[in-house]
Protein backbone atom coordinates (compact mmCIF):
# COMPACT_ATOMS: atom_id res chain seq x y z
CA MET A 1 8.82 -13.30 -12.85
CA LYS A 2 7.65 -9.77 -13.37
CA LYS A 3 7.22 -6.98 -10.94
CA TYR A 4 4.39 -4.94 -9.97
CA LEU A 5 3.45 -2.18 -7.77
CA PHE A 6 -0.08 -1.01 -6.95
CA TYR A 7 -0.03 2.75 -5.89
CA ALA A 8 -3.03 3.04 -3.99
CA LYS A 9 -4.46 6.67 -3.80
CA SER A 10 -8.09 5.93 -3.40
CA GLY A 11 -9.49 6.22 0.05
CA GLN A 12 -12.64 4.17 -1.16
CA LYS A 13 -12.51 0.99 0.70
CA MET A 14 -14.17 -1.30 -2.36
CA CYS A 15 -11.55 0.37 -4.47
CA PHE A 16 -8.77 -0.73 -2.37
CA VAL A 17 -10.49 -4.33 -2.02
CA HIS A 18 -9.60 -4.41 -5.81
CA VAL A 19 -5.97 -3.52 -5.26
CA LEU A 20 -5.84 -6.35 -2.57
CA LEU A 21 -7.55 -8.84 -4.94
CA ASN A 22 -5.16 -8.10 -7.94
CA ALA A 23 -1.94 -7.67 -5.69
CA LEU A 24 -2.40 -11.26 -4.36
CA ASP A 25 -3.58 -12.76 -7.71
CA LEU A 26 -0.32 -11.32 -9.23
CA LYS A 27 1.62 -12.72 -6.30
CA SER A 28 0.21 -16.21 -6.39
CA ALA A 29 1.23 -16.54 -9.91
CA GLU A 30 4.98 -16.14 -8.69
CA ASN A 31 5.36 -12.17 -9.48
CA GLU A 32 7.06 -9.94 -7.24
CA VAL A 33 4.40 -7.26 -6.07
CA LYS A 34 4.20 -4.44 -3.66
CA ILE A 35 1.74 -2.03 -2.38
CA ILE A 36 2.11 1.57 -1.49
CA PHE A 37 -0.34 3.59 0.39
CA GLU A 38 -0.41 7.26 -0.85
CA GLY A 39 -2.90 10.25 -0.89
CA GLU A 40 -6.39 9.25 0.79
CA SER A 41 -5.94 5.51 1.00
CA VAL A 42 -3.40 6.22 4.03
CA LYS A 43 -6.68 6.15 6.03
CA LEU A 44 -7.44 2.59 4.86
CA PRO A 45 -4.85 0.44 6.99
CA PRO A 46 -6.09 1.10 10.81
CA ILE A 47 -9.81 0.46 9.44
CA LEU A 48 -8.81 -2.73 7.91
CA ALA A 49 -6.69 -3.64 10.59
CA GLU A 50 -9.42 -2.96 12.86
CA GLU A 51 -12.06 -5.11 11.12
CA SER A 52 -9.43 -7.88 10.68
CA ASN A 53 -10.13 -7.93 6.72
CA PRO A 54 -8.91 -11.32 5.42
CA LEU A 55 -7.76 -10.00 2.17
CA TYR A 56 -5.56 -7.17 4.02
CA LYS A 57 -4.11 -9.64 6.55
CA LYS A 58 -2.96 -11.93 3.61
CA ALA A 59 -1.19 -9.02 1.80
CA LEU A 60 0.23 -7.74 5.40
CA ASP A 61 1.44 -11.56 5.81
CA SER A 62 2.96 -12.22 2.30
CA GLY A 63 4.83 -8.97 2.74
CA LEU A 64 2.96 -6.96 -0.39
CA ILE A 65 2.75 -3.93 1.84
CA ALA A 66 5.58 -1.80 1.07
CA GLY A 67 4.53 1.36 3.37
CA VAL A 68 2.69 4.52 3.75
CA CYS A 69 3.08 8.09 2.65
CA LEU A 70 4.24 9.75 5.60
CA ALA A 71 2.97 13.27 4.39
CA CYS A 72 -0.46 11.99 3.63
CA ALA A 73 -0.65 10.29 6.95
CA GLN A 74 0.26 13.60 8.90
CA THR A 75 -1.91 15.77 6.61
CA LEU A 76 -4.78 13.41 7.28
CA GLY A 77 -4.36 13.09 10.66
CA VAL A 78 -3.56 8.99 10.72
CA LYS A 79 0.01 9.27 11.44
CA ASP A 80 -0.46 7.60 15.22
CA ASP A 81 -3.09 5.12 14.07
CA ILE A 82 -0.27 4.04 11.42
CA GLU A 83 2.14 3.53 13.70
CA LYS A 84 -0.03 1.64 16.24
CA ILE A 85 -0.15 -1.25 13.58
CA ASN A 86 3.33 -0.93 12.63
CA LEU A 87 3.33 0.08 9.13
CA PRO A 88 6.56 1.94 7.51
CA PHE A 89 6.20 5.26 6.44
CA LEU A 90 7.67 6.21 3.31
CA LYS A 91 9.06 9.66 2.30
CA ASP A 92 11.63 9.52 -0.19
CA MET A 93 9.91 12.20 -2.52
CA SER A 94 9.54 15.63 -0.41
CA GLY A 95 7.73 13.65 2.32
CA HIS A 96 6.00 11.42 -0.25
CA ALA A 97 6.00 8.03 -1.27
CA GLY A 98 7.83 8.09 -4.61
CA MET A 99 7.59 5.67 -7.49
CA ARG A 100 10.81 5.88 -8.58
CA PRO A 101 12.46 3.72 -6.83
CA TYR A 102 10.25 1.21 -7.95
CA ILE A 103 10.63 2.16 -11.66
CA GLU A 104 14.18 2.15 -11.71
CA ASP A 105 13.69 -1.23 -10.17
CA GLY A 106 11.79 -2.56 -12.82
CA TYR A 107 8.23 -2.66 -11.72
CA GLU A 108 5.11 -1.96 -13.56
CA VAL A 109 3.27 0.44 -11.89
CA PHE A 110 -0.70 0.29 -11.43
CA ILE A 111 -2.60 3.33 -9.61
CA PHE A 112 -5.96 2.90 -8.31
C-alpha cells in the first residue's frame, strides 16, 4: 500500500474535481489517500456540500478529507461556512496546513 496526499490549492472547481477523481481512484486500489484544502481551494467545500456533489460526498464518506487550512479560511472569509459543514481546520504550520507531517509519514504529495 502506498500513501498519497493531495494538497489542493486551486479554487477552480473543475481542477478540484480531478483531485477527487484521482484520490478516489487511488483509494479504490487499496492506497491510503488524504486531501488538504489550502489556498483558494478552501472556498470549495461549502460549494460542493451545497450542491451535494457526489464525488465530494464519496471522498468525505471515505475519510479522504484531512482538513482545511485555518489561515486561508479566515483570510478568504469562509471560516464560518467550513465550521457549518464540520470539516477540521489544520494549522500546524504557522496557522496553515503543513505537508511535513505527511511527508514524514511516507506520503507522496501532489499539488493541484
